Amino acid sequence: NAKRTVYLQMNSLQPDDTAVYYCNGVWFALSSKYDRQYWGQGTQVTV
């Protein structure tokens, strides 16, 4: 949280893991109607 960073450590990668990986964040409000969702642009992982 201090670095404002989320990580995904991927071990034992397989060819089926090949994909574009996207980061997603949801910031919750008191009412879910006002929840905010954001997406990254994606990063390619090729195994």
ModelCIF file with pLDDT and N, C-alpha, C, O atoms, coordinates in Angstrom:
data_MODEL
#
_entry.id   MODEL 
#
_entity.id                         1 
_entity.type                       polymer 
_entity.pdbx_number_of_molecules   1 
#
_entity_poly.entity_id                      1 
_entity_poly.type                           'polypeptide(L)' 
_entity_poly.nstd_linkage                   no 
_entity_poly.nstd_monomer                   no 
_entity_poly.pdbx_seq_one_letter_code       NAKRTVYLQMNSLQPDDTAVYYCNGVWFALSSKYDRQYWGQGTQVTV 
_entity_poly.pdbx_seq_one_letter_code_can   NAKRTVYLQMNSLQPDDTAVYYCNGVWFALSSKYDRQYWGQGTQVTV 
_entity_poly.pdbx_strand_id                 A 
#
loop_
_entity_poly_seq.entity_id 
_entity_poly_seq.num 
_entity_poly_seq.mon_id 
_entity_poly_seq.hetero 
1 1  ASN n 
1 2  ALA n 
1 3  LYS n 
1 4  ARG n 
1 5  THR n 
1 6  VAL n 
1 7  TYR n 
1 8  LEU n 
1 9  GLN n 
1 10 MET n 
1 11 ASN n 
1 12 SER n 
1 13 LEU n 
1 14 GLN n 
1 15 PRO n 
1 16 ASP n 
1 17 ASP n 
1 18 THR n 
1 19 ALA n 
1 20 VAL n 
1 21 TYR n 
1 22 TYR n 
1 23 CYS n 
1 24 ASN n 
1 25 GLY n 
1 26 VAL n 
1 27 TRP n 
1 28 PHE n 
1 29 ALA n 
1 30 LEU n 
1 31 SER n 
1 32 SER n 
1 33 LYS n 
1 34 TYR n 
1 35 ASP n 
1 36 ARG n 
1 37 GLN n 
1 38 TYR n 
1 39 TRP n 
1 40 GLY n 
1 41 GLN n 
1 42 GLY n 
1 43 THR n 
1 44 GLN n 
1 45 VAL n 
1 46 THR n 
1 47 VAL n 
#
_struct_asym.id          A 
_struct_asym.entity_id   1 
#
loop_
_ma_qa_metric.id 
_ma_qa_metric.mode 
_ma_qa_metric.name 
_ma_qa_metric.software_group_id 
_ma_qa_metric.type 
1 global pLDDT . pLDDT 
2 local  pLDDT . pLDDT 
#
_ma_qa_metric_global.metric_id      1 
_ma_qa_metric_global.metric_value   95.85 
_ma_qa_metric_global.model_id       1 
_ma_qa_metric_global.ordinal_id     1 
#
loop_
_ma_qa_metric_local.label_asym_id 
_ma_qa_metric_local.label_comp_id 
_ma_qa_metric_local.label_seq_id 
_ma_qa_metric_local.metric_id 
_ma_qa_metric_local.metric_value 
_ma_qa_metric_local.model_id 
_ma_qa_metric_local.ordinal_id 
A ASN 1  2 90.00 1 1  
A ALA 2  2 93.00 1 2  
A LYS 3  2 95.00 1 3  
A ARG 4  2 95.00 1 4  
A THR 5  2 95.00 1 5  
A VAL 6  2 96.00 1 6  
A TYR 7  2 97.00 1 7  
A LEU 8  2 98.00 1 8  
A GLN 9  2 98.00 1 9  
A MET 10 2 98.00 1 10 
A ASN 11 2 98.00 1 11 
A SER 12 2 98.00 1 12 
A LEU 13 2 98.00 1 13 
A GLN 14 2 98.00 1 14 
A PRO 15 2 98.00 1 15 
A ASP 16 2 97.00 1 16 
A ASP 17 2 98.00 1 17 
A THR 18 2 98.00 1 18 
A ALA 19 2 98.00 1 19 
A VAL 20 2 98.00 1 20 
A TYR 21 2 98.00 1 21 
A TYR 22 2 98.00 1 22 
A CYS 23 2 98.00 1 23 
A ASN 24 2 97.00 1 24 
A GLY 25 2 96.00 1 25 
A VAL 26 2 95.00 1 26 
A TRP 27 2 93.00 1 27 
A PHE 28 2 90.00 1 28 
A ALA 29 2 89.00 1 29 
A LEU 30 2 88.00 1 30 
A SER 31 2 91.00 1 31 
A SER 32 2 90.00 1 32 
A LYS 33 2 94.00 1 33 
A TYR 34 2 94.00 1 34 
A ASP 35 2 93.00 1 35 
A ARG 36 2 94.00 1 36 
A GLN 37 2 96.00 1 37 
A TYR 38 2 97.00 1 38 
A TRP 39 2 98.00 1 39 
A GLY 40 2 98.00 1 40 
A GLN 41 2 97.00 1 41 
A GLY 42 2 97.00 1 42 
A THR 43 2 98.00 1 43 
A GLN 44 2 98.00 1 44 
A VAL 45 2 98.00 1 45 
A THR 46 2 98.00 1 46 
A VAL 47 2 98.00 1 47 
#
loop_
_atom_site.group_PDB 
_atom_site.id 
_atom_site.type_symbol 
_atom_site.label_atom_id 
_atom_site.label_alt_id 
_atom_site.label_comp_id 
_atom_site.label_asym_id 
_atom_site.label_entity_id 
_atom_site.label_seq_id 
_atom_site.pdbx_PDB_ins_code 
_atom_site.Cartn_x 
_atom_site.Cartn_y 
_atom_site.Cartn_z 
_atom_site.occupancy 
_atom_site.B_iso_or_equiv 
_atom_site.pdbx_formal_charge 
_atom_site.auth_seq_id 
_atom_site.auth_comp_id 
_atom_site.auth_asym_id 
_atom_site.auth_atom_id 
_atom_site.pdbx_PDB_model_num 
ATOM 1   N N  . ASN A 1 1  ? 0.814   -1.212  0.000   1.00 90.00 ? 1  ASN A N  1 
ATOM 2   C CA . ASN A 1 1  ? 0.000   0.000   0.000   1.00 90.00 ? 1  ASN A CA 1 
ATOM 3   C C  . ASN A 1 1  ? 0.852   1.268   0.000   1.00 90.00 ? 1  ASN A C  1 
ATOM 4   O O  . ASN A 1 1  ? 0.498   2.261   -0.636  1.00 90.00 ? 1  ASN A O  1 
ATOM 5   N N  . ALA A 1 2  ? 1.964   1.227   0.710   1.00 93.00 ? 2  ALA A N  1 
ATOM 6   C CA . ALA A 1 2  ? 2.823   2.401   0.773   1.00 93.00 ? 2  ALA A CA 1 
ATOM 7   C C  . ALA A 1 2  ? 3.375   2.758   -0.597  1.00 93.00 ? 2  ALA A C  1 
ATOM 8   O O  . ALA A 1 2  ? 3.560   3.935   -0.908  1.00 93.00 ? 2  ALA A O  1 
ATOM 9   N N  . LYS A 1 3  ? 3.639   1.752   -1.413  1.00 95.00 ? 3  LYS A N  1 
ATOM 10  C CA . LYS A 1 3  ? 4.155   1.975   -2.756  1.00 95.00 ? 3  LYS A CA 1 
ATOM 11  C C  . LYS A 1 3  ? 3.061   2.052   -3.801  1.00 95.00 ? 3  LYS A C  1 
ATOM 12  O O  . LYS A 1 3  ? 3.340   2.237   -4.986  1.00 95.00 ? 3  LYS A O  1 
ATOM 13  N N  . ARG A 1 4  ? 1.818   1.911   -3.368  1.00 95.00 ? 4  ARG A N  1 
ATOM 14  C CA . ARG A 1 4  ? 0.678   1.946   -4.280  1.00 95.00 ? 4  ARG A CA 1 
ATOM 15  C C  . ARG A 1 4  ? 0.847   0.929   -5.402  1.00 95.00 ? 4  ARG A C  1 
ATOM 16  O O  . ARG A 1 4  ? 0.556   1.215   -6.564  1.00 95.00 ? 4  ARG A O  1 
ATOM 17  N N  . THR A 1 5  ? 1.313   -0.242  -5.047  1.00 95.00 ? 5  THR A N  1 
ATOM 18  C CA . THR A 1 5  ? 1.647   -1.245  -6.046  1.00 95.00 ? 5  THR A CA 1 
ATOM 19  C C  . THR A 1 5  ? 1.063   -2.598  -5.675  1.00 95.00 ? 5  THR A C  1 
ATOM 20  O O  . THR A 1 5  ? 1.099   -3.012  -4.516  1.00 95.00 ? 5  THR A O  1 
ATOM 21  N N  . VAL A 1 6  ? 0.530   -3.271  -6.665  1.00 96.00 ? 6  VAL A N  1 
ATOM 22  C CA . VAL A 1 6  ? 0.030   -4.631  -6.539  1.00 96.00 ? 6  VAL A CA 1 
ATOM 23  C C  . VAL A 1 6  ? 0.891   -5.530  -7.412  1.00 96.00 ? 6  VAL A C  1 
ATOM 24  O O  . VAL A 1 6  ? 1.250   -5.161  -8.531  1.00 96.00 ? 6  VAL A O  1 
ATOM 25  N N  . TYR A 1 7  ? 1.216   -6.689  -6.906  1.00 97.00 ? 7  TYR A N  1 
ATOM 26  C CA . TYR A 1 7  ? 2.099   -7.610  -7.606  1.00 97.00 ? 7  TYR A CA 1 
ATOM 27  C C  . TYR A 1 7  ? 1.383   -8.918  -7.902  1.00 97.00 ? 7  TYR A C  1 
ATOM 28  O O  . TYR A 1 7  ? 0.459   -9.317  -7.193  1.00 97.00 ? 7  TYR A O  1 
ATOM 29  N N  . LEU A 1 8  ? 1.820   -9.561  -8.940  1.00 98.00 ? 8  LEU A N  1 
ATOM 30  C CA . LEU A 1 8  ? 1.403   -10.917 -9.234  1.00 98.00 ? 8  LEU A CA 1 
ATOM 31  C C  . LEU A 1 8  ? 2.656   -11.732 -9.514  1.00 98.00 ? 8  LEU A C  1 
ATOM 32  O O  . LEU A 1 8  ? 3.271   -11.602 -10.572 1.00 98.00 ? 8  LEU A O  1 
ATOM 33  N N  . GLN A 1 9  ? 3.026   -12.568 -8.563  1.00 98.00 ? 9  GLN A N  1 
ATOM 34  C CA . GLN A 1 9  ? 4.154   -13.461 -8.742  1.00 98.00 ? 9  GLN A CA 1 
ATOM 35  C C  . GLN A 1 9  ? 3.661   -14.732 -9.407  1.00 98.00 ? 9  GLN A C  1 
ATOM 36  O O  . GLN A 1 9  ? 2.763   -15.402 -8.896  1.00 98.00 ? 9  GLN A O  1 
ATOM 37  N N  . MET A 1 10 ? 4.240   -15.058 -10.532 1.00 98.00 ? 10 MET A N  1 
ATOM 38  C CA . MET A 1 10 ? 3.806   -16.195 -11.326 1.00 98.00 ? 10 MET A CA 1 
ATOM 39  C C  . MET A 1 10 ? 4.953   -17.188 -11.424 1.00 98.00 ? 10 MET A C  1 
ATOM 40  O O  . MET A 1 10 ? 6.010   -16.880 -11.976 1.00 98.00 ? 10 MET A O  1 
ATOM 41  N N  . ASN A 1 11 ? 4.739   -18.362 -10.893 1.00 98.00 ? 11 ASN A N  1 
ATOM 42  C CA . ASN A 1 11 ? 5.726   -19.424 -10.917 1.00 98.00 ? 11 ASN A CA 1 
ATOM 43  C C  . ASN A 1 11 ? 5.211   -20.601 -11.739 1.00 98.00 ? 11 ASN A C  1 
ATOM 44  O O  . ASN A 1 11 ? 4.012   -20.725 -11.992 1.00 98.00 ? 11 ASN A O  1 
ATOM 45  N N  . SER A 1 12 ? 6.124   -21.445 -12.142 1.00 98.00 ? 12 SER A N  1 
ATOM 46  C CA . SER A 1 12 ? 5.778   -22.643 -12.910 1.00 98.00 ? 12 SER A CA 1 
ATOM 47  C C  . SER A 1 12 ? 4.868   -22.313 -14.079 1.00 98.00 ? 12 SER A C  1 
ATOM 48  O O  . SER A 1 12 ? 3.843   -22.961 -14.287 1.00 98.00 ? 12 SER A O  1 
ATOM 49  N N  . LEU A 1 13 ? 5.251   -21.311 -14.827 1.00 98.00 ? 13 LEU A N  1 
ATOM 50  C CA . LEU A 1 13 ? 4.418   -20.848 -15.928 1.00 98.00 ? 13 LEU A CA 1 
ATOM 51  C C  . LEU A 1 13 ? 4.289   -21.906 -17.015 1.00 98.00 ? 13 LEU A C  1 
ATOM 52  O O  . LEU A 1 13 ? 5.229   -22.645 -17.308 1.00 98.00 ? 13 LEU A O  1 
ATOM 53  N N  . GLN A 1 14 ? 3.120   -21.957 -17.593 1.00 98.00 ? 14 GLN A N  1 
ATOM 54  C CA . GLN A 1 14 ? 2.795   -22.891 -18.649 1.00 98.00 ? 14 GLN A CA 1 
ATOM 55  C C  . GLN A 1 14 ? 2.342   -22.135 -19.884 1.00 98.00 ? 14 GLN A C  1 
ATOM 56  O O  . GLN A 1 14 ? 1.902   -20.990 -19.777 1.00 98.00 ? 14 GLN A O  1 
ATOM 57  N N  . PRO A 1 15 ? 2.441   -22.756 -21.060 1.00 98.00 ? 15 PRO A N  1 
ATOM 58  C CA . PRO A 1 15 ? 1.981   -22.061 -22.272 1.00 98.00 ? 15 PRO A CA 1 
ATOM 59  C C  . PRO A 1 15 ? 0.545   -21.565 -22.184 1.00 98.00 ? 15 PRO A C  1 
ATOM 60  O O  . PRO A 1 15 ? 0.215   -20.537 -22.775 1.00 98.00 ? 15 PRO A O  1 
ATOM 61  N N  . ASP A 1 16 ? -0.316  -22.273 -21.458 1.00 97.00 ? 16 ASP A N  1 
ATOM 62  C CA . ASP A 1 16 ? -1.701  -21.836 -21.315 1.00 97.00 ? 16 ASP A CA 1 
ATOM 63  C C  . ASP A 1 16 ? -1.832  -20.551 -20.513 1.00 97.00 ? 16 ASP A C  1 
ATOM 64  O O  . ASP A 1 16 ? -2.900  -19.938 -20.500 1.00 97.00 ? 16 ASP A O  1 
ATOM 65  N N  . ASP A 1 17 ? -0.768  -20.135 -19.846 1.00 98.00 ? 17 ASP A N  1 
ATOM 66  C CA . ASP A 1 17 ? -0.789  -18.869 -19.127 1.00 98.00 ? 17 ASP A CA 1 
ATOM 67  C C  . ASP A 1 17 ? -0.564  -17.682 -20.051 1.00 98.00 ? 17 ASP A C  1 
ATOM 68  O O  . ASP A 1 17 ? -0.705  -16.535 -19.627 1.00 98.00 ? 17 ASP A O  1 
ATOM 69  N N  . THR A 1 18 ? -0.221  -17.937 -21.294 1.00 98.00 ? 18 THR A N  1 
ATOM 70  C CA . THR A 1 18 ? 0.001   -16.864 -22.250 1.00 98.00 ? 18 THR A CA 1 
ATOM 71  C C  . THR A 1 18 ? -1.269  -16.048 -22.430 1.00 98.00 ? 18 THR A C  1 
ATOM 72  O O  . THR A 1 18 ? -2.324  -16.594 -22.752 1.00 98.00 ? 18 THR A O  1 
ATOM 73  N N  . ALA A 1 19 ? -1.167  -14.755 -22.224 1.00 98.00 ? 19 ALA A N  1 
ATOM 74  C CA . ALA A 1 19 ? -2.321  -13.866 -22.307 1.00 98.00 ? 19 ALA A CA 1 
ATOM 75  C C  . ALA A 1 19 ? -1.854  -12.441 -22.067 1.00 98.00 ? 19 ALA A C  1 
ATOM 76  O O  . ALA A 1 19 ? -0.705  -12.197 -21.700 1.00 98.00 ? 19 ALA A O  1 
ATOM 77  N N  . VAL A 1 20 ? -2.764  -11.515 -22.279 1.00 98.00 ? 20 VAL A N  1 
ATOM 78  C CA . VAL A 1 20 ? -2.563  -10.150 -21.823 1.00 98.00 ? 20 VAL A CA 1 
ATOM 79  C C  . VAL A 1 20 ? -3.114  -10.067 -20.414 1.00 98.00 ? 20 VAL A C  1 
ATOM 80  O O  . VAL A 1 20 ? -4.268  -10.421 -20.172 1.00 98.00 ? 20 VAL A O  1 
ATOM 81  N N  . TYR A 1 21 ? -2.306  -9.606  -19.497 1.00 98.00 ? 21 TYR A N  1 
ATOM 82  C CA . TYR A 1 21 ? -2.692  -9.511  -18.101 1.00 98.00 ? 21 TYR A CA 1 
ATOM 83  C C  . TYR A 1 21 ? -3.047  -8.066  -17.768 1.00 98.00 ? 21 TYR A C  1 
ATOM 84  O O  . TYR A 1 21 ? -2.297  -7.138  -18.070 1.00 98.00 ? 21 TYR A O  1 
ATOM 85  N N  . TYR A 1 22 ? -4.206  -7.899  -17.139 1.00 98.00 ? 22 TYR A N  1 
ATOM 86  C CA . TYR A 1 22 ? -4.732  -6.586  -16.812 1.00 98.00 ? 22 TYR A CA 1 
ATOM 87  C C  . TYR A 1 22 ? -4.864  -6.404  -15.311 1.00 98.00 ? 22 TYR A C  1 
ATOM 88  O O  . TYR A 1 22 ? -5.307  -7.304  -14.598 1.00 98.00 ? 22 TYR A O  1 
ATOM 89  N N  . CYS A 1 23 ? -4.483  -5.257  -14.855 1.00 98.00 ? 23 CYS A N  1 
ATOM 90  C CA . CYS A 1 23 ? -4.697  -4.868  -13.472 1.00 98.00 ? 23 CYS A CA 1 
ATOM 91  C C  . CYS A 1 23 ? -6.060  -4.209  -13.343 1.00 98.00 ? 23 CYS A C  1 
ATOM 92  O O  . CYS A 1 23 ? -6.461  -3.422  -14.200 1.00 98.00 ? 23 CYS A O  1 
ATOM 93  N N  . ASN A 1 24 ? -6.760  -4.531  -12.282 1.00 97.00 ? 24 ASN A N  1 
ATOM 94  C CA . ASN A 1 24 ? -8.080  -3.974  -12.027 1.00 97.00 ? 24 ASN A CA 1 
ATOM 95  C C  . ASN A 1 24 ? -8.159  -3.504  -10.584 1.00 97.00 ? 24 ASN A C  1 
ATOM 96  O O  . ASN A 1 24 ? -7.671  -4.173  -9.673  1.00 97.00 ? 24 ASN A O  1 
ATOM 97  N N  . GLY A 1 25 ? -8.770  -2.363  -10.388 1.00 96.00 ? 25 GLY A N  1 
ATOM 98  C CA . GLY A 1 25 ? -8.972  -1.856  -9.050  1.00 96.00 ? 25 GLY A CA 1 
ATOM 99  C C  . GLY A 1 25 ? -10.381 -1.352  -8.869  1.00 96.00 ? 25 GLY A C  1 
ATOM 100 O O  . GLY A 1 25 ? -10.941 -0.714  -9.760  1.00 96.00 ? 25 GLY A O  1 
ATOM 101 N N  . VAL A 1 26 ? -10.954 -1.636  -7.720  1.00 95.00 ? 26 VAL A N  1 
ATOM 102 C CA . VAL A 1 26 ? -12.278 -1.145  -7.352  1.00 95.00 ? 26 VAL A CA 1 
ATOM 103 C C  . VAL A 1 26 ? -12.147 -0.387  -6.044  1.00 95.00 ? 26 VAL A C  1 
ATOM 104 O O  . VAL A 1 26 ? -11.660 -0.917  -5.046  1.00 95.00 ? 26 VAL A O  1 
ATOM 105 N N  . TRP A 1 27 ? -12.583 0.842   -6.066  1.00 93.00 ? 27 TRP A N  1 
ATOM 106 C CA . TRP A 1 27 ? -12.607 1.657   -4.855  1.00 93.00 ? 27 TRP A CA 1 
ATOM 107 C C  . TRP A 1 27 ? -14.058 1.732   -4.381  1.00 93.00 ? 27 TRP A C  1 
ATOM 108 O O  . TRP A 1 27 ? -14.938 2.216   -5.093  1.00 93.00 ? 27 TRP A O  1 
ATOM 109 N N  . PHE A 1 28 ? -14.283 1.240   -3.161  1.00 90.00 ? 28 PHE A N  1 
ATOM 110 C CA . PHE A 1 28 ? -15.636 1.093   -2.656  1.00 90.00 ? 28 PHE A CA 1 
ATOM 111 C C  . PHE A 1 28 ? -16.146 2.384   -2.023  1.00 90.00 ? 28 PHE A C  1 
ATOM 112 O O  . PHE A 1 28 ? -15.403 3.123   -1.377  1.00 90.00 ? 28 PHE A O  1 
ATOM 113 N N  . ALA A 1 29 ? -17.430 2.625   -2.228  1.00 89.00 ? 29 ALA A N  1 
ATOM 114 C CA . ALA A 1 29 ? -18.130 3.729   -1.599  1.00 89.00 ? 29 ALA A CA 1 
ATOM 115 C C  . ALA A 1 29 ? -19.149 3.179   -0.608  1.00 89.00 ? 29 ALA A C  1 
ATOM 116 O O  . ALA A 1 29 ? -19.385 1.972   -0.554  1.00 89.00 ? 29 ALA A O  1 
ATOM 117 N N  . LEU A 1 30 ? -19.748 4.069   0.172   1.00 88.00 ? 30 LEU A N  1 
ATOM 118 C CA . LEU A 1 30 ? -20.769 3.628   1.118   1.00 88.00 ? 30 LEU A CA 1 
ATOM 119 C C  . LEU A 1 30 ? -21.912 2.948   0.391   1.00 88.00 ? 30 LEU A C  1 
ATOM 120 O O  . LEU A 1 30 ? -22.470 1.967   0.883   1.00 88.00 ? 30 LEU A O  1 
ATOM 121 N N  . SER A 1 31 ? -22.253 3.451   -0.749  1.00 91.00 ? 31 SER A N  1 
ATOM 122 C CA . SER A 1 31 ? -23.231 2.819   -1.612  1.00 91.00 ? 31 SER A CA 1 
ATOM 123 C C  . SER A 1 31 ? -22.511 2.217   -2.808  1.00 91.00 ? 31 SER A C  1 
ATOM 124 O O  . SER A 1 31 ? -21.737 2.898   -3.482  1.00 91.00 ? 31 SER A O  1 
ATOM 125 N N  . SER A 1 32 ? -22.765 0.944   -3.070  1.00 90.00 ? 32 SER A N  1 
ATOM 126 C CA . SER A 1 32 ? -22.097 0.279   -4.180  1.00 90.00 ? 32 SER A CA 1 
ATOM 127 C C  . SER A 1 32 ? -22.408 0.935   -5.514  1.00 90.00 ? 32 SER A C  1 
ATOM 128 O O  . SER A 1 32 ? -21.675 0.762   -6.488  1.00 90.00 ? 32 SER A O  1 
ATOM 129 N N  . LYS A 1 33 ? -23.475 1.673   -5.551  1.00 94.00 ? 33 LYS A N  1 
ATOM 130 C CA . LYS A 1 33 ? -23.830 2.384   -6.770  1.00 94.00 ? 33 LYS A CA 1 
ATOM 131 C C  . LYS A 1 33 ? -22.716 3.323   -7.202  1.00 94.00 ? 33 LYS A C  1 
ATOM 132 O O  . LYS A 1 33 ? -22.562 3.619   -8.387  1.00 94.00 ? 33 LYS A O  1 
ATOM 133 N N  . TYR A 1 34 ? -21.946 3.785   -6.236  1.00 94.00 ? 34 TYR A N  1 
ATOM 134 C CA . TYR A 1 34 ? -20.901 4.747   -6.515  1.00 94.00 ? 34 TYR A CA 1 
ATOM 135 C C  . TYR A 1 34 ? -19.505 4.150   -6.460  1.00 94.00 ? 34 TYR A C  1 
ATOM 136 O O  . TYR A 1 34 ? -18.520 4.887   -6.440  1.00 94.00 ? 34 TYR A O  1 
ATOM 137 N N  . ASP A 1 35 ? -19.403 2.814   -6.435  1.00 93.00 ? 35 ASP A N  1 
ATOM 138 C CA . ASP A 1 35 ? -18.097 2.176   -6.544  1.00 93.00 ? 35 ASP A CA 1 
ATOM 139 C C  . ASP A 1 35 ? -17.424 2.615   -7.841  1.00 93.00 ? 35 ASP A C  1 
ATOM 140 O O  . ASP A 1 35 ? -18.082 2.828   -8.859  1.00 93.00 ? 35 ASP A O  1 
ATOM 141 N N  . ARG A 1 36 ? -16.121 2.742   -7.784  1.00 94.00 ? 36 ARG A N  1 
ATOM 142 C CA . ARG A 1 36 ? -15.354 3.140   -8.955  1.00 94.00 ? 36 ARG A CA 1 
ATOM 143 C C  . ARG A 1 36 ? -14.405 2.023   -9.365  1.00 94.00 ? 36 ARG A C  1 
ATOM 144 O O  . ARG A 1 36 ? -13.682 1.474   -8.533  1.00 94.00 ? 36 ARG A O  1 
ATOM 145 N N  . GLN A 1 37 ? -14.412 1.698   -10.624 1.00 96.00 ? 37 GLN A N  1 
ATOM 146 C CA . GLN A 1 37 ? -13.587 0.629   -11.156 1.00 96.00 ? 37 GLN A CA 1 
ATOM 147 C C  . GLN A 1 37 ? -12.664 1.171   -12.245 1.00 96.00 ? 37 GLN A C  1 
ATOM 148 O O  . GLN A 1 37 ? -13.068 1.993   -13.067 1.00 96.00 ? 37 GLN A O  1 
ATOM 149 N N  . TYR A 1 38 ? -11.422 0.697   -12.237 1.00 97.00 ? 38 TYR A N  1 
ATOM 150 C CA . TYR A 1 38 ? -10.433 1.135   -13.205 1.00 97.00 ? 38 TYR A CA 1 
ATOM 151 C C  . TYR A 1 38 ? -9.653  -0.059  -13.732 1.00 97.00 ? 38 TYR A C  1 
ATOM 152 O O  . TYR A 1 38 ? -9.474  -1.064  -13.044 1.00 97.00 ? 38 TYR A O  1 
ATOM 153 N N  . TRP A 1 39 ? -9.198  0.076   -14.955 1.00 98.00 ? 39 TRP A N  1 
ATOM 154 C CA . TRP A 1 39 ? -8.414  -0.955  -15.623 1.00 98.00 ? 39 TRP A CA 1 
ATOM 155 C C  . TRP A 1 39 ? -7.097  -0.388  -16.126 1.00 98.00 ? 39 TRP A C  1 
ATOM 156 O O  . TRP A 1 39 ? -7.018  0.760   -16.562 1.00 98.00 ? 39 TRP A O  1 
ATOM 157 N N  . GLY A 1 40 ? -6.074  -1.214  -16.055 1.00 98.00 ? 40 GLY A N  1 
ATOM 158 C CA . GLY A 1 40 ? -4.829  -0.879  -16.709 1.00 98.00 ? 40 GLY A CA 1 
ATOM 159 C C  . GLY A 1 40 ? -4.894  -1.215  -18.181 1.00 98.00 ? 40 GLY A C  1 
ATOM 160 O O  . GLY A 1 40 ? -5.881  -1.776  -18.656 1.00 98.00 ? 40 GLY A O  1 
ATOM 161 N N  . GLN A 1 41 ? -3.847  -0.872  -18.898 1.00 97.00 ? 41 GLN A N  1 
ATOM 162 C CA . GLN A 1 41 ? -3.808  -1.119  -20.332 1.00 97.00 ? 41 GLN A CA 1 
ATOM 163 C C  . GLN A 1 41 ? -3.382  -2.532  -20.687 1.00 97.00 ? 41 GLN A C  1 
ATOM 164 O O  . GLN A 1 41 ? -3.557  -2.961  -21.828 1.00 97.00 ? 41 GLN A O  1 
ATOM 165 N N  . GLY A 1 42 ? -2.839  -3.247  -19.750 1.00 97.00 ? 42 GLY A N  1 
ATOM 166 C CA . GLY A 1 42 ? -2.458  -4.626  -19.970 1.00 97.00 ? 42 GLY A CA 1 
ATOM 167 C C  . GLY A 1 42 ? -0.983  -4.787  -20.280 1.00 97.00 ? 42 GLY A C  1 
ATOM 168 O O  . GLY A 1 42 ? -0.339  -3.878  -20.805 1.00 97.00 ? 42 GLY A O  1 
ATOM 169 N N  . THR A 1 43 ? -0.461  -5.951  -19.950 1.00 98.00 ? 43 THR A N  1 
ATOM 170 C CA . THR A 1 43 ? 0.907   -6.307  -20.273 1.00 98.00 ? 43 THR A CA 1 
ATOM 171 C C  . THR A 1 43 ? 0.925   -7.743  -20.787 1.00 98.00 ? 43 THR A C  1 
ATOM 172 O O  . THR A 1 43 ? 0.279   -8.625  -20.222 1.00 98.00 ? 43 THR A O  1 
ATOM 173 N N  . GLN A 1 44 ? 1.660   -7.962  -21.847 1.00 98.00 ? 44 GLN A N  1 
ATOM 174 C CA . GLN A 1 44 ? 1.683   -9.267  -22.502 1.00 98.00 ? 44 GLN A CA 1 
ATOM 175 C C  . GLN A 1 44 ? 2.612   -10.217 -21.780 1.00 98.00 ? 44 GLN A C  1 
ATOM 176 O O  . GLN A 1 44 ? 3.756   -9.881  -21.471 1.00 98.00 ? 44 GLN A O  1 
ATOM 177 N N  . VAL A 1 45 ? 2.104   -11.410 -21.515 1.00 98.00 ? 45 VAL A N  1 
ATOM 178 C CA . VAL A 1 45 ? 2.901   -12.505 -20.978 1.00 98.00 ? 45 VAL A CA 1 
ATOM 179 C C  . VAL A 1 45 ? 2.850   -13.641 -21.983 1.00 98.00 ? 45 VAL A C  1 
ATOM 180 O O  . VAL A 1 45 ? 1.772   -14.119 -22.337 1.00 98.00 ? 45 VAL A O  1 
ATOM 181 N N  . THR A 1 46 ? 4.007   -14.069 -22.436 1.00 98.00 ? 46 THR A N  1 
ATOM 182 C CA . THR A 1 46 ? 4.094   -15.158 -23.392 1.00 98.00 ? 46 THR A CA 1 
ATOM 183 C C  . THR A 1 46 ? 4.981   -16.250 -22.817 1.00 98.00 ? 46 THR A C  1 
ATOM 184 O O  . THR A 1 46 ? 6.131   -16.005 -22.453 1.00 98.00 ? 46 THR A O  1 
ATOM 185 N N  . VAL A 1 47 ? 4.440   -17.444 -22.742 1.00 98.00 ? 47 VAL A N  1 
ATOM 186 C CA . VAL A 1 47 ? 5.168   -18.583 -22.202 1.00 98.00 ? 47 VAL A CA 1 
ATOM 187 C C  . VAL A 1 47 ? 5.425   -19.555 -23.342 1.00 98.00 ? 47 VAL A C  1 
ATOM 188 O O  . VAL A 1 47 ? 6.030   -20.606 -23.132 1.00 98.00 ? 47 VAL A O  1 
#
